[in-house]
Amino acid sequence: MRNRILALAALAAAIGSPLAAQAQSGVTVGRAPVVVDSGPTIAVEQRPAFRDYVVEQRVPAFRIPDRVVVGATLPETGITYYDVPQRFGATTYRYTVVNGETVLVEPRSRRIVEVMD
């Protein structure tokens, strides 16, 4: 009888654990929210010089069927990503030209973090 009760308790705990984990709200009271990917991009006053730099480099433009918007993920293959020169400051990102738009991309996720206008 005792073994049966222990087995039922273990089964209930195993079944209830995923439900309890999903019930976690993830909200922490009293702390500031963490902003992901808030690293510096290219300063507004440096953007014309950066656009000129990209033109001078003759970076080939790639075409994708999707819209080019911040947050979009670019394909893993078929696009070449280039280092941003240190003088422009956003050295943690890469850049490329997609559908005629110069974009800054987070290299690990290939997520667009900025579309240069």
N, C-alpha and C. Protein backbone atom coordinates (compact mmCIF):
# COMPACT_ATOMS: atom_id res chain seq x y z
N MET A 1 0.83 -1.19 0.00
CA MET A 1 0.00 0.00 0.00
C MET A 1 0.87 1.25 0.00
N ARG A 2 1.90 1.20 0.85
CA ARG A 2 2.81 2.35 0.94
C ARG A 2 3.51 2.60 -0.39
N ASN A 3 3.95 1.51 -1.06
CA ASN A 3 4.62 1.64 -2.36
C ASN A 3 3.68 2.22 -3.41
N ARG A 4 2.42 1.83 -3.35
CA ARG A 4 1.44 2.32 -4.31
C ARG A 4 1.22 3.82 -4.12
N ILE A 5 1.16 4.28 -2.88
CA ILE A 5 0.98 5.71 -2.59
C ILE A 5 2.20 6.50 -3.07
N LEU A 6 3.39 5.97 -2.80
CA LEU A 6 4.61 6.64 -3.27
C LEU A 6 4.67 6.69 -4.79
N ALA A 7 4.26 5.61 -5.45
CA ALA A 7 4.27 5.58 -6.91
C ALA A 7 3.28 6.59 -7.48
N LEU A 8 2.09 6.69 -6.87
CA LEU A 8 1.10 7.67 -7.32
C LEU A 8 1.58 9.10 -7.08
N ALA A 9 2.25 9.33 -5.96
CA ALA A 9 2.78 10.66 -5.67
C ALA A 9 3.87 11.04 -6.68
N ALA A 10 4.73 10.08 -7.01
CA ALA A 10 5.79 10.34 -7.99
C ALA A 10 5.19 10.60 -9.37
N LEU A 11 4.17 9.85 -9.74
CA LEU A 11 3.50 10.05 -11.02
C LEU A 11 2.83 11.42 -11.07
N ALA A 12 2.17 11.81 -10.01
CA ALA A 12 1.52 13.12 -9.96
C ALA A 12 2.54 14.24 -10.06
N ALA A 13 3.68 14.08 -9.41
CA ALA A 13 4.74 15.10 -9.48
C ALA A 13 5.30 15.19 -10.89
N ALA A 14 5.49 14.04 -11.55
CA ALA A 14 6.03 14.03 -12.91
C ALA A 14 5.07 14.67 -13.89
N ILE A 15 3.79 14.42 -13.73
CA ILE A 15 2.79 15.00 -14.63
C ILE A 15 2.60 16.48 -14.34
N GLY A 16 2.65 16.86 -13.09
CA GLY A 16 2.40 18.25 -12.71
C GLY A 16 3.55 19.20 -12.94
N SER A 17 4.78 18.68 -13.04
CA SER A 17 5.95 19.55 -13.21
C SER A 17 5.89 20.42 -14.46
N PRO A 18 5.58 19.86 -15.65
CA PRO A 18 5.51 20.72 -16.83
C PRO A 18 4.41 21.77 -16.72
N LEU A 19 3.31 21.42 -16.10
CA LEU A 19 2.22 22.38 -15.94
C LEU A 19 2.63 23.51 -15.01
N ALA A 20 3.34 23.19 -13.96
CA ALA A 20 3.81 24.22 -13.03
C ALA A 20 4.82 25.12 -13.71
N ALA A 21 5.67 24.56 -14.55
CA ALA A 21 6.67 25.38 -15.25
C ALA A 21 6.00 26.34 -16.22
N GLN A 22 4.92 25.91 -16.88
CA GLN A 22 4.22 26.78 -17.81
C GLN A 22 3.46 27.87 -17.08
N ALA A 23 3.13 27.64 -15.84
CA ALA A 23 2.37 28.63 -15.07
C ALA A 23 3.25 29.77 -14.60
N GLN A 24 4.56 29.64 -14.71
CA GLN A 24 5.46 30.70 -14.30
C GLN A 24 5.22 31.91 -15.19
N SER A 25 5.03 33.06 -14.60
CA SER A 25 4.72 34.25 -15.40
C SER A 25 5.96 34.87 -16.01
N GLY A 26 7.11 34.71 -15.40
CA GLY A 26 8.31 35.31 -15.93
C GLY A 26 8.45 36.78 -15.59
N VAL A 27 7.50 37.35 -14.87
CA VAL A 27 7.53 38.75 -14.51
C VAL A 27 8.20 38.90 -13.15
N THR A 28 9.20 39.75 -13.09
CA THR A 28 9.88 40.02 -11.84
C THR A 28 9.51 41.42 -11.40
N VAL A 29 8.94 41.54 -10.23
CA VAL A 29 8.52 42.84 -9.73
C VAL A 29 9.71 43.55 -9.10
N GLY A 30 9.85 44.85 -9.41
CA GLY A 30 10.89 45.65 -8.79
C GLY A 30 12.19 45.71 -9.54
N ARG A 31 12.27 45.09 -10.70
CA ARG A 31 13.49 45.15 -11.50
C ARG A 31 13.19 45.79 -12.84
N ALA A 32 14.19 46.46 -13.37
CA ALA A 32 14.05 47.06 -14.70
C ALA A 32 14.08 45.96 -15.75
N PRO A 33 13.34 46.11 -16.83
CA PRO A 33 13.36 45.10 -17.88
C PRO A 33 14.72 45.07 -18.57
N VAL A 34 15.09 43.90 -19.03
CA VAL A 34 16.35 43.74 -19.74
C VAL A 34 16.07 43.96 -21.22
N VAL A 35 16.83 44.85 -21.84
CA VAL A 35 16.67 45.11 -23.26
C VAL A 35 17.73 44.31 -23.99
N VAL A 36 17.28 43.44 -24.87
CA VAL A 36 18.19 42.60 -25.61
C VAL A 36 18.60 43.32 -26.88
N ASP A 37 19.87 43.21 -27.23
CA ASP A 37 20.36 43.75 -28.48
C ASP A 37 20.28 45.26 -28.55
N SER A 38 20.65 45.92 -27.48
CA SER A 38 20.61 47.38 -27.48
C SER A 38 21.99 47.96 -27.77
N GLY A 39 22.86 47.16 -28.37
CA GLY A 39 24.21 47.62 -28.67
C GLY A 39 24.17 48.80 -29.61
N PRO A 40 25.23 49.58 -29.61
CA PRO A 40 25.25 50.77 -30.45
C PRO A 40 25.26 50.41 -31.92
N THR A 41 24.48 51.14 -32.68
CA THR A 41 24.52 50.99 -34.12
C THR A 41 25.31 52.18 -34.66
N ILE A 42 25.20 52.44 -35.92
CA ILE A 42 25.95 53.54 -36.52
C ILE A 42 25.24 54.85 -36.19
N ALA A 43 26.01 55.81 -35.67
CA ALA A 43 25.45 57.10 -35.28
C ALA A 43 24.83 57.80 -36.49
N VAL A 44 23.78 58.57 -36.24
CA VAL A 44 23.05 59.25 -37.31
C VAL A 44 23.98 60.11 -38.16
N GLU A 45 24.89 60.82 -37.51
CA GLU A 45 25.78 61.72 -38.26
C GLU A 45 26.82 60.95 -39.10
N GLN A 46 27.02 59.66 -38.82
CA GLN A 46 27.97 58.87 -39.59
C GLN A 46 27.32 58.06 -40.70
N ARG A 47 26.01 58.04 -40.76
CA ARG A 47 25.32 57.22 -41.75
C ARG A 47 25.62 57.62 -43.19
N PRO A 48 25.67 58.92 -43.53
CA PRO A 48 26.03 59.26 -44.92
C PRO A 48 27.42 58.72 -45.29
N ALA A 49 28.38 58.83 -44.39
CA ALA A 49 29.73 58.32 -44.66
C ALA A 49 29.71 56.80 -44.78
N PHE A 50 28.89 56.13 -43.97
CA PHE A 50 28.80 54.68 -44.06
C PHE A 50 28.17 54.26 -45.39
N ARG A 51 27.11 54.96 -45.82
CA ARG A 51 26.50 54.66 -47.12
C ARG A 51 27.52 54.83 -48.24
N ASP A 52 28.30 55.91 -48.18
CA ASP A 52 29.36 56.13 -49.18
C ASP A 52 30.37 54.99 -49.15
N TYR A 53 30.73 54.55 -47.95
CA TYR A 53 31.67 53.44 -47.79
C TYR A 53 31.14 52.18 -48.47
N VAL A 54 29.87 51.87 -48.25
CA VAL A 54 29.28 50.67 -48.84
C VAL A 54 29.31 50.77 -50.37
N VAL A 55 28.99 51.95 -50.92
CA VAL A 55 29.02 52.14 -52.37
C VAL A 55 30.45 51.96 -52.89
N GLU A 56 31.42 52.54 -52.19
CA GLU A 56 32.83 52.42 -52.60
C GLU A 56 33.29 50.97 -52.60
N GLN A 57 32.78 50.17 -51.68
CA GLN A 57 33.18 48.76 -51.58
C GLN A 57 32.54 47.90 -52.67
N ARG A 58 31.58 48.45 -53.38
CA ARG A 58 30.87 47.73 -54.44
C ARG A 58 30.32 46.39 -53.93
N VAL A 59 29.65 46.47 -52.81
CA VAL A 59 29.05 45.28 -52.21
C VAL A 59 27.90 44.81 -53.09
N PRO A 60 27.91 43.55 -53.50
CA PRO A 60 26.80 43.07 -54.33
C PRO A 60 25.50 43.01 -53.54
N ALA A 61 24.42 43.36 -54.21
CA ALA A 61 23.10 43.31 -53.56
C ALA A 61 22.52 41.90 -53.72
N PHE A 62 21.89 41.44 -52.66
CA PHE A 62 21.23 40.14 -52.68
C PHE A 62 19.73 40.36 -52.71
N ARG A 63 19.01 39.43 -53.31
CA ARG A 63 17.55 39.53 -53.38
C ARG A 63 16.94 38.43 -52.53
N ILE A 64 15.93 38.81 -51.76
CA ILE A 64 15.15 37.83 -51.01
C ILE A 64 13.68 38.14 -51.27
N PRO A 65 12.81 37.15 -51.16
CA PRO A 65 11.40 37.39 -51.44
C PRO A 65 10.68 38.17 -50.35
N ASP A 66 11.24 38.19 -49.15
CA ASP A 66 10.58 38.85 -48.02
C ASP A 66 10.91 40.34 -47.99
N ARG A 67 10.12 41.09 -47.21
CA ARG A 67 10.40 42.51 -46.99
C ARG A 67 11.62 42.65 -46.10
N VAL A 68 12.36 43.72 -46.31
CA VAL A 68 13.55 44.01 -45.51
C VAL A 68 13.11 44.91 -44.36
N VAL A 69 12.96 44.32 -43.16
CA VAL A 69 12.52 45.07 -41.99
C VAL A 69 13.35 44.66 -40.78
N VAL A 70 13.44 45.55 -39.81
CA VAL A 70 14.15 45.25 -38.57
C VAL A 70 13.46 44.06 -37.90
N GLY A 71 14.27 43.11 -37.47
CA GLY A 71 13.74 41.91 -36.82
C GLY A 71 13.65 40.71 -37.75
N ALA A 72 13.69 40.94 -39.06
CA ALA A 72 13.63 39.83 -40.01
C ALA A 72 14.94 39.06 -39.94
N THR A 73 14.85 37.76 -40.16
CA THR A 73 16.04 36.92 -40.17
C THR A 73 16.41 36.60 -41.61
N LEU A 74 17.67 36.84 -41.94
CA LEU A 74 18.15 36.60 -43.30
C LEU A 74 18.58 35.14 -43.43
N PRO A 75 18.61 34.63 -44.67
CA PRO A 75 18.99 33.23 -44.88
C PRO A 75 20.41 32.94 -44.43
N GLU A 76 20.63 31.69 -44.06
CA GLU A 76 21.95 31.26 -43.60
C GLU A 76 22.94 31.18 -44.77
N THR A 77 22.44 30.81 -45.93
CA THR A 77 23.30 30.68 -47.10
C THR A 77 22.82 31.62 -48.20
N GLY A 78 23.75 31.95 -49.09
CA GLY A 78 23.38 32.78 -50.24
C GLY A 78 23.60 34.26 -50.05
N ILE A 79 23.94 34.70 -48.85
CA ILE A 79 24.19 36.11 -48.57
C ILE A 79 25.56 36.22 -47.91
N THR A 80 26.33 37.21 -48.35
CA THR A 80 27.64 37.46 -47.74
C THR A 80 27.52 38.62 -46.77
N TYR A 81 28.06 38.45 -45.57
CA TYR A 81 28.03 39.48 -44.54
C TYR A 81 29.43 40.05 -44.38
N TYR A 82 29.53 41.37 -44.24
CA TYR A 82 30.81 42.06 -44.18
C TYR A 82 30.99 42.74 -42.83
N ASP A 83 32.24 42.82 -42.37
CA ASP A 83 32.55 43.51 -41.12
C ASP A 83 32.31 45.01 -41.27
N VAL A 84 31.78 45.62 -40.22
CA VAL A 84 31.63 47.08 -40.18
C VAL A 84 32.96 47.65 -39.72
N PRO A 85 33.55 48.59 -40.47
CA PRO A 85 34.82 49.18 -40.04
C PRO A 85 34.69 49.84 -38.67
N GLN A 86 35.75 49.77 -37.90
CA GLN A 86 35.74 50.26 -36.53
C GLN A 86 35.40 51.75 -36.45
N ARG A 87 35.73 52.52 -37.46
CA ARG A 87 35.47 53.97 -37.41
C ARG A 87 33.97 54.29 -37.36
N PHE A 88 33.12 53.32 -37.73
CA PHE A 88 31.67 53.55 -37.68
C PHE A 88 31.05 53.06 -36.38
N GLY A 89 31.81 52.38 -35.56
CA GLY A 89 31.36 52.06 -34.21
C GLY A 89 30.57 50.79 -34.01
N ALA A 90 29.81 50.33 -34.96
CA ALA A 90 28.94 49.17 -34.76
C ALA A 90 29.69 47.88 -35.12
N THR A 91 30.82 47.67 -34.49
CA THR A 91 31.68 46.56 -34.90
C THR A 91 31.18 45.18 -34.48
N THR A 92 30.18 45.11 -33.62
CA THR A 92 29.64 43.80 -33.26
C THR A 92 28.69 43.28 -34.33
N TYR A 93 28.28 44.14 -35.24
CA TYR A 93 27.36 43.75 -36.31
C TYR A 93 28.09 43.56 -37.62
N ARG A 94 27.41 42.97 -38.58
CA ARG A 94 27.89 42.86 -39.95
C ARG A 94 26.91 43.64 -40.82
N TYR A 95 27.33 43.94 -42.03
CA TYR A 95 26.41 44.62 -42.95
C TYR A 95 26.36 43.86 -44.26
N THR A 96 25.29 44.09 -44.98
CA THR A 96 25.12 43.56 -46.32
C THR A 96 24.08 44.42 -47.02
N VAL A 97 23.89 44.18 -48.30
CA VAL A 97 22.88 44.90 -49.06
C VAL A 97 21.85 43.88 -49.53
N VAL A 98 20.60 44.10 -49.15
CA VAL A 98 19.52 43.18 -49.48
C VAL A 98 18.38 43.98 -50.11
N ASN A 99 17.95 43.54 -51.29
CA ASN A 99 16.87 44.22 -52.01
C ASN A 99 17.12 45.72 -52.14
N GLY A 100 18.38 46.09 -52.34
CA GLY A 100 18.74 47.49 -52.51
C GLY A 100 18.87 48.28 -51.22
N GLU A 101 18.69 47.64 -50.07
CA GLU A 101 18.77 48.30 -48.77
C GLU A 101 20.03 47.83 -48.03
N THR A 102 20.79 48.78 -47.50
CA THR A 102 21.93 48.42 -46.65
C THR A 102 21.40 48.12 -45.26
N VAL A 103 21.77 46.96 -44.72
CA VAL A 103 21.26 46.56 -43.41
C VAL A 103 22.40 46.15 -42.49
N LEU A 104 22.20 46.40 -41.19
CA LEU A 104 23.10 45.89 -40.16
C LEU A 104 22.47 44.60 -39.63
N VAL A 105 23.31 43.59 -39.44
CA VAL A 105 22.82 42.26 -39.08
C VAL A 105 23.59 41.74 -37.87
N GLU A 106 22.87 41.14 -36.93
CA GLU A 106 23.51 40.46 -35.80
C GLU A 106 24.04 39.14 -36.38
N PRO A 107 25.37 38.91 -36.33
CA PRO A 107 25.95 37.80 -37.08
C PRO A 107 25.52 36.40 -36.65
N ARG A 108 25.27 36.16 -35.38
CA ARG A 108 24.91 34.80 -34.96
C ARG A 108 23.50 34.42 -35.40
N SER A 109 22.57 35.34 -35.22
CA SER A 109 21.18 35.04 -35.54
C SER A 109 20.80 35.44 -36.96
N ARG A 110 21.64 36.27 -37.60
CA ARG A 110 21.37 36.83 -38.92
C ARG A 110 20.12 37.70 -38.92
N ARG A 111 19.80 38.24 -37.77
CA ARG A 111 18.62 39.10 -37.62
C ARG A 111 19.00 40.54 -37.97
N ILE A 112 18.15 41.20 -38.74
CA ILE A 112 18.38 42.60 -39.11
C ILE A 112 18.13 43.47 -37.89
N VAL A 113 19.13 44.26 -37.51
CA VAL A 113 18.99 45.16 -36.36
C VAL A 113 18.77 46.60 -36.80
N GLU A 114 19.12 46.91 -38.06
CA GLU A 114 18.87 48.26 -38.55
C GLU A 114 18.87 48.26 -40.07
N VAL A 115 17.91 48.99 -40.63
CA VAL A 115 17.87 49.23 -42.07
C VAL A 115 18.32 50.67 -42.25
N MET A 116 19.42 50.85 -42.98
CA MET A 116 19.96 52.19 -43.17
C MET A 116 19.11 52.93 -44.20
N ASP A 117 18.65 54.12 -43.84
CA ASP A 117 17.82 54.88 -44.78
C ASP A 117 18.62 55.91 -45.51
